[in-house]
Amino acid sequence: MVLSLGVTLLAGGVMYLFIPHEDGEPDLKPVDYRVELLTAQRAAPYPVAAPEGLPGGWKATSVRYQGIENDTWHLGFHTPDGQYVEIKQSTEKPSRFIDETTDGARATKATEEIGGRTWTRYTGGRYDALVLLAGGADGADGADGAKGADGAGARGATTVVAGTGSFAQLKQMAAALKLG
């Protein structure tokens, strides 16, 4: 019995040595999001946001458009330093959408002026975020009673740039967004 246990342990050790295994981060495959972007731009009732001119090292890793409920657009990126930054837009009620996207972050009094638009900082959840409330000519109130009369956001949709990246990276992504 002891001999069979020794043979089994020896066989397990040999397999461990010769079967490849990686200890580092997995190699994330980039996704080409052009087709999904065009589809979303045709289907969404708002201008869909996507970055243009990000520096090298930013890698798109996830993309989807769900038009059935709340017309939600998602585009996720892996940053050069291994963090995650995503763009999400939706026609869902802003407070619920922001809470779900950031996993519990709350608005701060800090705002960022990026590309002629006023973004609100959110912190404290799984992801920090910059939020651009829906804009429009009607001046409708957004989350927390904020006005959208200046056309600040994508008409009819709340835009969230969120992730594990630093606020500098979130600002970099927000500055690269083109609404189209």
C-alpha atoms as a PDB file:
ATOM      1  CA  MET A   1       0.000   0.000   0.000  1.00  0.00           C
ATOM      2  CA  VAL A   2       2.801   2.427   0.859  1.00  0.00           C
ATOM      3  CA  LEU A   3       4.610   1.411  -2.352  1.00  0.00           C
ATOM      4  CA  SER A   4       1.533   2.163  -4.515  1.00  0.00           C
ATOM      5  CA  LEU A   5       1.123   5.538  -2.781  1.00  0.00           C
ATOM      6  CA  GLY A   6       4.789   6.347  -3.538  1.00  0.00           C
ATOM      7  CA  VAL A   7       4.397   5.380  -7.210  1.00  0.00           C
ATOM      8  CA  THR A   8       1.264   7.528  -7.505  1.00  0.00           C
ATOM      9  CA  LEU A   9       2.982  10.558  -5.939  1.00  0.00           C
ATOM     10  CA  LEU A  10       6.009  10.065  -8.208  1.00  0.00           C
ATOM     11  CA  ALA A  11       3.750   9.904 -11.293  1.00  0.00           C
ATOM     12  CA  GLY A  12       1.958  13.082 -10.141  1.00  0.00           C
ATOM     13  CA  GLY A  13       5.290  14.875  -9.676  1.00  0.00           C
ATOM     14  CA  VAL A  14       6.495  13.882 -13.144  1.00  0.00           C
ATOM     15  CA  MET A  15       3.238  15.107 -14.707  1.00  0.00           C
ATOM     16  CA  TYR A  16       3.518  18.422 -12.851  1.00  0.00           C
ATOM     17  CA  LEU A  17       7.047  18.962 -14.182  1.00  0.00           C
ATOM     18  CA  PHE A  18       6.242  18.183 -17.813  1.00  0.00           C
ATOM     19  CA  ILE A  19       2.790  19.700 -18.267  1.00  0.00           C
ATOM     20  CA  PRO A  20       3.127  23.409 -19.114  1.00  0.00           C
ATOM     21  CA  HIS A  21       1.491  25.904 -16.783  1.00  0.00           C
ATOM     22  CA  GLU A  22       1.685  29.670 -16.619  1.00  0.00           C
ATOM     23  CA  ASP A  23       2.019  31.740 -13.498  1.00  0.00           C
ATOM     24  CA  GLY A  24       1.619  35.165 -15.149  1.00  0.00           C
ATOM     25  CA  GLU A  25      -1.354  37.094 -16.474  1.00  0.00           C
ATOM     26  CA  PRO A  26      -3.217  35.486 -19.345  1.00  0.00           C
ATOM     27  CA  ASP A  27      -2.588  36.923 -22.787  1.00  0.00           C
ATOM     28  CA  LEU A  28      -5.757  38.832 -23.629  1.00  0.00           C
ATOM     29  CA  LYS A  29      -6.740  38.671 -27.274  1.00  0.00           C
ATOM     30  CA  PRO A  30      -7.783  42.016 -28.733  1.00  0.00           C
ATOM     31  CA  VAL A  31     -11.219  42.248 -30.334  1.00  0.00           C
ATOM     32  CA  ASP A  32     -12.096  44.174 -33.468  1.00  0.00           C
ATOM     33  CA  TYR A  33     -15.139  46.186 -32.504  1.00  0.00           C
ATOM     34  CA  ARG A  34     -15.774  47.988 -35.824  1.00  0.00           C
ATOM     35  CA  VAL A  35     -18.687  45.787 -36.947  1.00  0.00           C
ATOM     36  CA  GLU A  36     -20.432  45.965 -33.565  1.00  0.00           C
ATOM     37  CA  LEU A  37     -19.847  49.726 -33.473  1.00  0.00           C
ATOM     38  CA  LEU A  38     -21.488  50.192 -36.874  1.00  0.00           C
ATOM     39  CA  THR A  39     -24.390  47.982 -35.841  1.00  0.00           C
ATOM     40  CA  ALA A  40     -24.871  49.912 -32.598  1.00  0.00           C
ATOM     41  CA  GLN A  41     -24.647  53.258 -34.407  1.00  0.00           C
ATOM     42  CA  ARG A  42     -27.441  52.177 -36.753  1.00  0.00           C
ATOM     43  CA  ALA A  43     -29.646  50.691 -34.032  1.00  0.00           C
ATOM     44  CA  ALA A  44     -29.157  52.909 -30.980  1.00  0.00           C
ATOM     45  CA  PRO A  45     -31.465  55.887 -30.442  1.00  0.00           C
ATOM     46  CA  TYR A  46     -28.465  57.961 -29.309  1.00  0.00           C
ATOM     47  CA  PRO A  47     -24.974  58.798 -30.673  1.00  0.00           C
ATOM     48  CA  VAL A  48     -22.781  55.813 -29.750  1.00  0.00           C
ATOM     49  CA  ALA A  49     -19.418  56.658 -28.161  1.00  0.00           C
ATOM     50  CA  ALA A  50     -16.154  55.022 -29.213  1.00  0.00           C
ATOM     51  CA  PRO A  51     -12.557  56.182 -28.767  1.00  0.00           C
ATOM     52  CA  GLU A  52     -10.377  57.547 -31.531  1.00  0.00           C
ATOM     53  CA  GLY A  53      -6.649  58.100 -31.251  1.00  0.00           C
ATOM     54  CA  LEU A  54      -5.826  56.221 -28.056  1.00  0.00           C
ATOM     55  CA  PRO A  55      -2.073  55.767 -27.630  1.00  0.00           C
ATOM     56  CA  GLY A  56      -0.462  52.375 -28.228  1.00  0.00           C
ATOM     57  CA  GLY A  57      -0.949  49.682 -25.649  1.00  0.00           C
ATOM     58  CA  TRP A  58      -4.703  50.130 -25.199  1.00  0.00           C
ATOM     59  CA  LYS A  59      -6.351  46.883 -26.269  1.00  0.00           C
ATOM     60  CA  ALA A  60     -10.096  46.417 -26.857  1.00  0.00           C
ATOM     61  CA  THR A  61     -11.097  43.187 -25.098  1.00  0.00           C
ATOM     62  CA  SER A  62     -14.899  43.151 -25.018  1.00  0.00           C
ATOM     63  CA  VAL A  63     -17.760  44.624 -27.016  1.00  0.00           C
ATOM     64  CA  ARG A  64     -21.528  44.227 -27.125  1.00  0.00           C
ATOM     65  CA  TYR A  65     -24.707  46.078 -27.947  1.00  0.00           C
ATOM     66  CA  GLN A  66     -27.968  44.972 -26.363  1.00  0.00           C
ATOM     67  CA  GLY A  67     -30.895  46.680 -28.021  1.00  0.00           C
ATOM     68  CA  ILE A  68     -33.651  44.651 -26.399  1.00  0.00           C
ATOM     69  CA  GLU A  69     -33.591  46.403 -23.041  1.00  0.00           C
ATOM     70  CA  ASN A  70     -32.363  49.958 -22.569  1.00  0.00           C
ATOM     71  CA  ASP A  71     -30.187  49.993 -25.709  1.00  0.00           C
ATOM     72  CA  THR A  72     -26.949  49.320 -23.829  1.00  0.00           C
ATOM     73  CA  TRP A  73     -23.538  49.741 -25.509  1.00  0.00           C
ATOM     74  CA  HIS A  74     -20.396  48.319 -23.873  1.00  0.00           C
ATOM     75  CA  LEU A  75     -16.767  48.547 -25.017  1.00  0.00           C
ATOM     76  CA  GLY A  76     -14.015  47.328 -22.666  1.00  0.00           C
ATOM     77  CA  PHE A  77     -10.264  47.988 -22.857  1.00  0.00           C
ATOM     78  CA  HIS A  78      -7.119  46.633 -21.234  1.00  0.00           C
ATOM     79  CA  THR A  79      -4.756  49.534 -20.497  1.00  0.00           C
ATOM     80  CA  PRO A  80      -0.989  49.477 -21.087  1.00  0.00           C
ATOM     81  CA  ASP A  81      -0.379  48.923 -17.346  1.00  0.00           C
ATOM     82  CA  GLY A  82      -2.865  46.034 -17.061  1.00  0.00           C
ATOM     83  CA  GLN A  83      -5.915  47.891 -15.744  1.00  0.00           C
ATOM     84  CA  TYR A  84      -9.450  47.774 -17.137  1.00  0.00           C
ATOM     85  CA  VAL A  85     -11.431  50.713 -18.559  1.00  0.00           C
ATOM     86  CA  GLU A  86     -14.874  50.458 -20.125  1.00  0.00           C
ATOM     87  CA  ILE A  87     -17.298  52.713 -21.928  1.00  0.00           C
ATOM     88  CA  LYS A  88     -20.961  52.043 -21.305  1.00  0.00           C
ATOM     89  CA  GLN A  89     -24.007  53.885 -22.560  1.00  0.00           C
ATOM     90  CA  SER A  90     -27.650  53.204 -21.919  1.00  0.00           C
ATOM     91  CA  THR A  91     -31.125  54.680 -21.978  1.00  0.00           C
ATOM     92  CA  GLU A  92     -31.809  52.997 -18.627  1.00  0.00           C
ATOM     93  CA  LYS A  93     -32.694  55.201 -15.644  1.00  0.00           C
ATOM     94  CA  PRO A  94     -29.356  56.954 -14.913  1.00  0.00           C
ATOM     95  CA  SER A  95     -29.167  56.210 -11.182  1.00  0.00           C
ATOM     96  CA  ARG A  96     -29.728  52.469 -11.690  1.00  0.00           C
ATOM     97  CA  PHE A  97     -27.425  52.292 -14.730  1.00  0.00           C
ATOM     98  CA  ILE A  98     -24.565  54.103 -12.959  1.00  0.00           C
ATOM     99  CA  ASP A  99     -24.924  51.955  -9.848  1.00  0.00           C
ATOM    100  CA  GLU A 100     -24.854  48.724 -11.882  1.00  0.00           C
ATOM    101  CA  THR A 101     -21.961  49.845 -14.080  1.00  0.00           C
ATOM    102  CA  THR A 102     -19.750  51.005 -11.205  1.00  0.00           C
ATOM    103  CA  ASP A 103     -20.967  48.394  -8.740  1.00  0.00           C
ATOM    104  CA  GLY A 104     -21.927  50.924  -6.100  1.00  0.00           C
ATOM    105  CA  ALA A 105     -19.863  54.068  -6.707  1.00  0.00           C
ATOM    106  CA  ARG A 106     -21.355  57.375  -5.589  1.00  0.00           C
ATOM    107  CA  ALA A 107     -21.163  60.837  -7.116  1.00  0.00           C
ATOM    108  CA  THR A 108     -18.617  63.241  -5.724  1.00  0.00           C
ATOM    109  CA  LYS A 109     -18.697  67.001  -5.931  1.00  0.00           C
ATOM    110  CA  ALA A 110     -15.713  66.861  -8.303  1.00  0.00           C
ATOM    111  CA  THR A 111     -16.280  67.385 -12.004  1.00  0.00           C
ATOM    112  CA  GLU A 112     -13.944  67.243 -14.971  1.00  0.00           C
ATOM    113  CA  GLU A 113     -14.206  69.434 -18.064  1.00  0.00           C
ATOM    114  CA  ILE A 114     -13.184  67.096 -20.893  1.00  0.00           C
ATOM    115  CA  GLY A 115     -13.689  67.910 -24.564  1.00  0.00           C
ATOM    116  CA  GLY A 116     -16.176  70.671 -23.796  1.00  0.00           C
ATOM    117  CA  ARG A 117     -18.338  68.360 -21.684  1.00  0.00           C
ATOM    118  CA  THR A 118     -18.748  68.229 -17.909  1.00  0.00           C
ATOM    119  CA  TRP A 119     -18.177  64.774 -16.431  1.00  0.00           C
ATOM    120  CA  THR A 120     -18.927  63.916 -12.799  1.00  0.00           C
ATOM    121  CA  ARG A 121     -16.524  61.769 -10.776  1.00  0.00           C
ATOM    122  CA  TYR A 122     -17.902  58.692  -9.023  1.00  0.00           C
ATOM    123  CA  THR A 123     -15.911  56.745  -6.421  1.00  0.00           C
ATOM    124  CA  GLY A 124     -16.323  54.074  -3.787  1.00  0.00           C
ATOM    125  CA  GLY A 125     -17.612  51.159  -5.820  1.00  0.00           C
ATOM    126  CA  ARG A 126     -15.832  48.326  -7.541  1.00  0.00           C
ATOM    127  CA  TYR A 127     -14.984  50.767 -10.328  1.00  0.00           C
ATOM    128  CA  ASP A 128     -14.287  54.476 -10.193  1.00  0.00           C
ATOM    129  CA  ALA A 129     -16.015  56.366 -12.977  1.00  0.00           C
ATOM    130  CA  LEU A 130     -16.573  59.512 -14.948  1.00  0.00           C
ATOM    131  CA  VAL A 131     -20.237  60.005 -15.816  1.00  0.00           C
ATOM    132  CA  LEU A 132     -21.728  62.146 -18.568  1.00  0.00           C
ATOM    133  CA  LEU A 133     -25.462  62.537 -18.118  1.00  0.00           C
ATOM    134  CA  ALA A 134     -27.786  62.465 -21.100  1.00  0.00           C
ATOM    135  CA  GLY A 135     -27.945  65.763 -22.912  1.00  0.00           C
ATOM    136  CA  GLY A 136     -30.601  67.192 -25.146  1.00  0.00           C
ATOM    137  CA  ALA A 137     -32.346  70.322 -26.223  1.00  0.00           C
ATOM    138  CA  ASP A 138     -35.259  69.668 -23.877  1.00  0.00           C
ATOM    139  CA  GLY A 139     -33.236  70.367 -20.735  1.00  0.00           C
ATOM    140  CA  ALA A 140     -34.492  67.206 -19.087  1.00  0.00           C
ATOM    141  CA  ASP A 141     -33.192  66.382 -15.670  1.00  0.00           C
ATOM    142  CA  GLY A 142     -30.735  63.520 -15.374  1.00  0.00           C
ATOM    143  CA  ALA A 143     -29.495  61.644 -12.313  1.00  0.00           C
ATOM    144  CA  ASP A 144     -29.309  63.731  -9.153  1.00  0.00           C
ATOM    145  CA  GLY A 145     -31.341  66.498 -10.852  1.00  0.00           C
ATOM    146  CA  ALA A 146     -28.483  67.539 -13.144  1.00  0.00           C
ATOM    147  CA  LYS A 147     -29.537  69.421 -16.257  1.00  0.00           C
ATOM    148  CA  GLY A 148     -28.727  68.202 -19.741  1.00  0.00           C
ATOM    149  CA  ALA A 149     -29.733  71.394 -21.546  1.00  0.00           C
ATOM    150  CA  ASP A 150     -26.232  72.197 -22.732  1.00  0.00           C
ATOM    151  CA  GLY A 151     -26.175  69.042 -24.859  1.00  0.00           C
ATOM    152  CA  ALA A 152     -23.336  67.787 -22.692  1.00  0.00           C
ATOM    153  CA  GLY A 153     -24.024  64.090 -23.111  1.00  0.00           C
ATOM    154  CA  ALA A 154     -25.216  61.813 -25.846  1.00  0.00           C
ATOM    155  CA  ARG A 155     -28.814  62.784 -26.440  1.00  0.00           C
ATOM    156  CA  GLY A 156     -31.000  60.256 -24.650  1.00  0.00           C
ATOM    157  CA  ALA A 157     -28.233  58.154 -23.082  1.00  0.00           C
ATOM    158  CA  THR A 158     -26.049  58.244 -19.998  1.00  0.00           C
ATOM    159  CA  THR A 159     -22.364  57.650 -20.774  1.00  0.00           C
ATOM    160  CA  VAL A 160     -20.075  56.064 -18.163  1.00  0.00           C
ATOM    161  CA  VAL A 161     -16.307  55.614 -18.419  1.00  0.00           C
ATOM    162  CA  ALA A 162     -15.425  53.280 -15.568  1.00  0.00           C
ATOM    163  CA  GLY A 163     -12.818  50.769 -14.480  1.00  0.00           C
ATOM    164  CA  THR A 164      -9.917  49.850 -12.281  1.00  0.00           C
ATOM    165  CA  GLY A 165      -7.689  52.340 -14.066  1.00  0.00           C
ATOM    166  CA  SER A 166      -6.639  55.644 -12.543  1.00  0.00           C
ATOM    167  CA  PHE A 167      -8.702  58.799 -13.022  1.00  0.00           C
ATOM    168  CA  ALA A 168      -5.973  59.930 -15.436  1.00  0.00           C
ATOM    169  CA  GLN A 169      -6.710  56.851 -17.578  1.00  0.00           C
ATOM    170  CA  LEU A 170     -10.460  57.399 -17.298  1.00  0.00           C
ATOM    171  CA  LYS A 171      -9.937  61.021 -18.399  1.00  0.00           C
ATOM    172  CA  GLN A 172      -7.742  59.860 -21.281  1.00  0.00           C
ATOM    173  CA  MET A 173     -10.516  57.545 -22.478  1.00  0.00           C
ATOM    174  CA  ALA A 174     -13.218  60.193 -22.039  1.00  0.00           C
ATOM    175  CA  ALA A 175     -11.128  62.686 -24.042  1.00  0.00           C
ATOM    176  CA  ALA A 176     -10.740  60.160 -26.872  1.00  0.00           C
ATOM    177  CA  LEU A 177     -14.486  59.460 -27.173  1.00  0.00           C
ATOM    178  CA  LYS A 178     -16.262  60.509 -30.326  1.00  0.00           C
ATOM    179  CA  LEU A 179     -20.033  60.436 -30.396  1.00  0.00           C
ATOM    180  CA  GLY A 180     -21.207  59.132 -33.716  1.00  0.00           C
END
